[in-house]
Amino acid sequence: MMDLEKILKLVQTGDLDIDEAKKQIIKEGGSGPANLDLGFAQLDIDREKRTGFPEVIFGEGKTPEQIEAIFRRLMEHTDRVLATRVDAAKAAHVVANVAGVTYHETARALTWFKRPLLKVHDGYIAVVCAGTSDLPVAEEAALTAECLGSHVERVYDVGVAGIHRLFRRLELIRGANAIVVVAGMEGALASVMGGLVSKPIVAVPTSIGYGANLAGIAPLLSMLNSCSPGISVVNIDNGFGAGYYAGLINKNMSKRA
């Protein structure tokens, strides 16, 4: 399959007739949203035009070869590629076969950038994490926000069991345009934060905790039932969703500045 620029050049040189060019343009999405058919995946090439960020690869359930193939095709159409929930074995395959790909072990994510990514938006996002055990989800959120062009300040291991640690970092947190709060166990950190700051909070419950934590159900319900205003809640362990949401807030705040 050819991209539109190649099709145009071939028509101009006479190496491709008009009828065939029309067929190729339709395949490339010229009559609607562009999709690339890989057989096992339909890549949404127009997503960045519609939403401001290209399609993201969800690594769970995909083979290393499938992730590699999707990576290669997305690289042809955008300046950055992000793959989430990629384990070390799959990551090793992609890194070995696709130049320029970086594996972020804690976040369990792969990234590729055509050029070094600049902090293109003013302001910053604070990613606040209750405990070290929650770091994979927090890092997924932080890395996602960075891929959207936002600067991220990480404030880790400041959960309610040692609440004094949070107050030492409070000035930094209050300066953010958006705050991601990641917590497991009973998920109390989000409610505490909601009573201390004036910025929008994206709360992320994690599956970290003992039996009655119910694999994240307990902190999810705590965050949904918070009496502190200004808190939105994403699904259990959904660091990507939280980082993306916070990134959109910071992006739009920057536009108004």
Foldseek 3Di string as FASTA:
>chain_A
DDELVVLVVCVVVVNDDPVVSVVVCVQQAVVHQGWHCPPVDTARLCPCVVPVDGDAAEAPPDALVVVLVVVVVNVVRDFKYKYFPAAPVSVVSNPVPPPQWDADHLLNMIMHGNDPQALPFPFAEEEEEQAPVQRNLSVVLQVLLVVSRHHYDYHYNCHPVNVVSVVVCLVVNQRGQEYEYEYEAQQCVVLVVLVRHDHAYEYEYELDYDDVSVRRPNNQVCQVPRPRPRYDYDYYSPSNVNSVVSSVSRRVVRVVD
